[in-house]
């Protein structure tokens, strides 16, 4: 019995697409917010790195802890 990788990908693709879209949307929204906001808690360049490289959780962490209102 062989496992076909393409079958596995096609099986889980409907679950992965919404997660990828959510991650991409959060990342874009967080980057726009970081760039437009005058003050953040900490340097902006650090928040940009967090948002870009810590995929799904980076933007969430920024929105919770990084915004200086």
N, C-alpha and C. Protein backbone atom coordinates (compact mmCIF):
# COMPACT_ATOMS: atom_id res chain seq x y z
N UNK A 1 0.84 -1.17 0.00
CA UNK A 1 0.00 0.00 0.00
C UNK A 1 0.90 1.24 0.00
N UNK A 2 0.81 2.00 -1.06
CA UNK A 2 1.63 3.20 -1.20
C UNK A 2 0.85 4.43 -0.76
N UNK A 3 1.56 5.36 -0.16
CA UNK A 3 0.96 6.63 0.23
C UNK A 3 1.33 7.66 -0.83
N UNK A 4 0.32 8.20 -1.47
CA UNK A 4 0.54 9.20 -2.50
C UNK A 4 0.50 10.59 -1.86
N UNK A 5 1.63 11.32 -1.90
CA UNK A 5 1.64 12.65 -1.27
C UNK A 5 0.63 13.62 -1.87
N UNK A 6 0.35 13.48 -3.14
CA UNK A 6 -0.61 14.37 -3.79
C UNK A 6 -2.02 14.16 -3.24
N UNK A 7 -2.37 12.92 -2.92
CA UNK A 7 -3.68 12.64 -2.33
C UNK A 7 -3.81 13.28 -0.95
N UNK A 8 -2.74 13.24 -0.20
CA UNK A 8 -2.75 13.83 1.14
C UNK A 8 -2.92 15.35 1.03
N UNK A 9 -2.19 15.96 0.11
CA UNK A 9 -2.29 17.41 -0.08
C UNK A 9 -3.71 17.79 -0.50
N UNK A 10 -4.26 17.07 -1.45
CA UNK A 10 -5.61 17.38 -1.92
C UNK A 10 -6.66 17.14 -0.84
N UNK A 11 -6.41 16.19 0.04
CA UNK A 11 -7.35 15.91 1.12
C UNK A 11 -7.41 17.07 2.12
N UNK A 12 -6.26 17.65 2.45
CA UNK A 12 -6.21 18.69 3.47
C UNK A 12 -6.21 20.11 2.91
N UNK A 13 -6.20 20.27 1.61
CA UNK A 13 -6.16 21.59 1.00
C UNK A 13 -7.36 22.47 1.39
N UNK A 14 -8.57 21.95 1.44
CA UNK A 14 -9.69 22.80 1.87
C UNK A 14 -9.54 23.33 3.29
N UNK A 15 -8.79 22.66 4.13
CA UNK A 15 -8.55 23.15 5.49
C UNK A 15 -7.40 24.15 5.54
N UNK A 16 -6.43 24.00 4.65
CA UNK A 16 -5.25 24.85 4.68
C UNK A 16 -5.49 26.21 4.04
N UNK A 17 -6.34 26.28 3.04
CA UNK A 17 -6.57 27.55 2.34
C UNK A 17 -7.13 28.63 3.27
N UNK A 18 -8.16 28.37 4.08
CA UNK A 18 -8.64 29.42 4.98
C UNK A 18 -7.59 29.85 6.01
N UNK A 19 -6.80 28.92 6.50
CA UNK A 19 -5.75 29.27 7.46
C UNK A 19 -4.70 30.15 6.80
N UNK A 20 -4.31 29.82 5.58
CA UNK A 20 -3.33 30.63 4.86
C UNK A 20 -3.87 32.03 4.58
N UNK A 21 -5.14 32.12 4.19
CA UNK A 21 -5.74 33.43 3.93
C UNK A 21 -5.83 34.26 5.21
N UNK A 22 -6.18 33.64 6.31
CA UNK A 22 -6.24 34.33 7.59
C UNK A 22 -4.86 34.84 7.98
N UNK A 23 -3.86 34.02 7.84
CA UNK A 23 -2.49 34.41 8.19
C UNK A 23 -2.03 35.57 7.31
N UNK A 24 -2.27 35.49 6.02
CA UNK A 24 -1.85 36.54 5.10
C UNK A 24 -2.58 37.85 5.39
N UNK A 25 -3.88 37.77 5.64
CA UNK A 25 -4.65 38.97 5.94
C UNK A 25 -4.22 39.63 7.23
N UNK A 26 -3.97 38.83 8.28
CA UNK A 26 -3.49 39.38 9.55
C UNK A 26 -2.12 40.03 9.39
N UNK A 27 -1.25 39.39 8.61
CA UNK A 27 0.07 39.94 8.41
C UNK A 27 0.01 41.28 7.68
N UNK A 28 -0.78 41.38 6.64
CA UNK A 28 -0.91 42.63 5.89
C UNK A 28 -1.52 43.72 6.79
N UNK A 29 -2.56 43.39 7.53
CA UNK A 29 -3.20 44.38 8.40
C UNK A 29 -2.23 44.87 9.48
N UNK A 30 -1.45 43.96 10.06
CA UNK A 30 -0.50 44.34 11.10
C UNK A 30 0.63 45.19 10.52
N UNK A 31 1.13 44.84 9.34
CA UNK A 31 2.19 45.63 8.72
C UNK A 31 1.72 47.04 8.39
N UNK A 32 0.52 47.15 7.86
CA UNK A 32 -0.03 48.48 7.55
C UNK A 32 -0.17 49.29 8.83
N UNK A 33 -0.64 48.66 9.89
CA UNK A 33 -0.82 49.36 11.16
C UNK A 33 0.52 49.80 11.74
N UNK A 34 1.53 48.94 11.69
CA UNK A 34 2.85 49.29 12.21
C UNK A 34 3.41 50.49 11.45
N UNK A 35 3.30 50.47 10.15
CA UNK A 35 3.87 51.53 9.33
C UNK A 35 3.14 52.86 9.55
N UNK A 36 1.83 52.83 9.65
CA UNK A 36 1.05 54.06 9.79
C UNK A 36 1.05 54.65 11.20
N UNK A 37 1.25 53.83 12.19
CA UNK A 37 1.17 54.28 13.59
C UNK A 37 2.43 55.06 13.96
N UNK A 38 2.21 56.20 14.64
CA UNK A 38 3.35 57.02 15.05
C UNK A 38 4.18 56.35 16.13
N UNK A 39 3.52 55.81 17.15
CA UNK A 39 4.23 55.20 18.27
C UNK A 39 3.80 53.75 18.44
N UNK A 40 4.76 52.93 18.74
CA UNK A 40 4.49 51.54 19.11
C UNK A 40 5.25 51.27 20.40
N UNK A 41 4.87 50.20 21.06
CA UNK A 41 5.59 49.80 22.27
C UNK A 41 6.83 49.04 21.82
N UNK A 42 7.92 49.75 21.72
CA UNK A 42 9.16 49.17 21.20
C UNK A 42 9.42 49.69 19.80
N UNK A 43 10.60 49.38 19.28
CA UNK A 43 10.95 49.86 17.94
C UNK A 43 10.08 49.22 16.86
N UNK A 44 9.76 50.03 15.85
CA UNK A 44 8.91 49.53 14.75
C UNK A 44 9.57 48.37 14.01
N UNK A 45 10.88 48.45 13.81
CA UNK A 45 11.55 47.40 13.05
C UNK A 45 11.44 46.05 13.74
N UNK A 46 11.41 46.04 15.07
CA UNK A 46 11.25 44.78 15.81
C UNK A 46 9.85 44.21 15.57
N UNK A 47 8.83 45.08 15.59
CA UNK A 47 7.47 44.61 15.37
C UNK A 47 7.30 44.11 13.95
N UNK A 48 7.94 44.73 12.98
CA UNK A 48 7.86 44.26 11.60
C UNK A 48 8.46 42.86 11.49
N UNK A 49 9.59 42.63 12.13
CA UNK A 49 10.21 41.30 12.12
C UNK A 49 9.30 40.28 12.80
N UNK A 50 8.71 40.64 13.93
CA UNK A 50 7.80 39.73 14.65
C UNK A 50 6.61 39.39 13.76
N UNK A 51 6.02 40.39 13.14
CA UNK A 51 4.82 40.16 12.31
C UNK A 51 5.15 39.28 11.11
N UNK A 52 6.29 39.50 10.48
CA UNK A 52 6.61 38.77 9.25
C UNK A 52 7.10 37.35 9.55
N UNK A 53 7.93 37.19 10.56
CA UNK A 53 8.58 35.89 10.75
C UNK A 53 7.90 34.96 11.76
N UNK A 54 6.99 35.45 12.56
CA UNK A 54 6.29 34.57 13.48
C UNK A 54 4.86 34.42 12.96
N UNK A 55 4.75 33.82 11.85
CA UNK A 55 3.56 33.70 11.01
C UNK A 55 2.23 34.07 11.63
N UNK A 56 1.45 33.16 12.07
CA UNK A 56 0.09 33.44 12.51
C UNK A 56 0.06 34.18 13.84
N UNK A 57 0.99 33.89 14.74
CA UNK A 57 0.93 34.47 16.07
C UNK A 57 1.60 35.84 16.16
N UNK A 58 2.51 36.18 15.25
CA UNK A 58 3.18 37.47 15.27
C UNK A 58 2.22 38.64 15.16
N UNK A 59 1.32 38.64 14.15
CA UNK A 59 0.35 39.74 14.07
C UNK A 59 -0.58 39.82 15.28
N UNK A 60 -0.97 38.68 15.81
CA UNK A 60 -1.85 38.67 16.98
C UNK A 60 -1.12 39.27 18.19
N UNK A 61 0.14 38.90 18.38
CA UNK A 61 0.93 39.45 19.47
C UNK A 61 1.08 40.96 19.30
N UNK A 62 1.31 41.41 18.07
CA UNK A 62 1.43 42.86 17.84
C UNK A 62 0.14 43.58 18.19
N UNK A 63 -1.00 43.06 17.72
CA UNK A 63 -2.27 43.73 17.99
C UNK A 63 -2.60 43.75 19.48
N UNK A 64 -2.16 42.77 20.23
CA UNK A 64 -2.45 42.73 21.66
C UNK A 64 -1.46 43.58 22.46
N UNK A 65 -0.16 43.45 22.17
CA UNK A 65 0.86 44.06 23.02
C UNK A 65 1.62 45.23 22.38
N UNK A 66 1.65 45.33 21.07
CA UNK A 66 2.55 46.27 20.41
C UNK A 66 1.99 47.64 20.14
N UNK A 67 0.69 47.78 20.10
CA UNK A 67 0.10 49.07 19.76
C UNK A 67 0.12 50.00 20.96
N UNK A 68 0.58 51.21 20.72
CA UNK A 68 0.62 52.22 21.78
C UNK A 68 -0.46 53.24 21.45
N UNK A 69 -1.55 53.17 22.13
CA UNK A 69 -2.70 54.02 21.78
C UNK A 69 -2.61 55.38 22.36
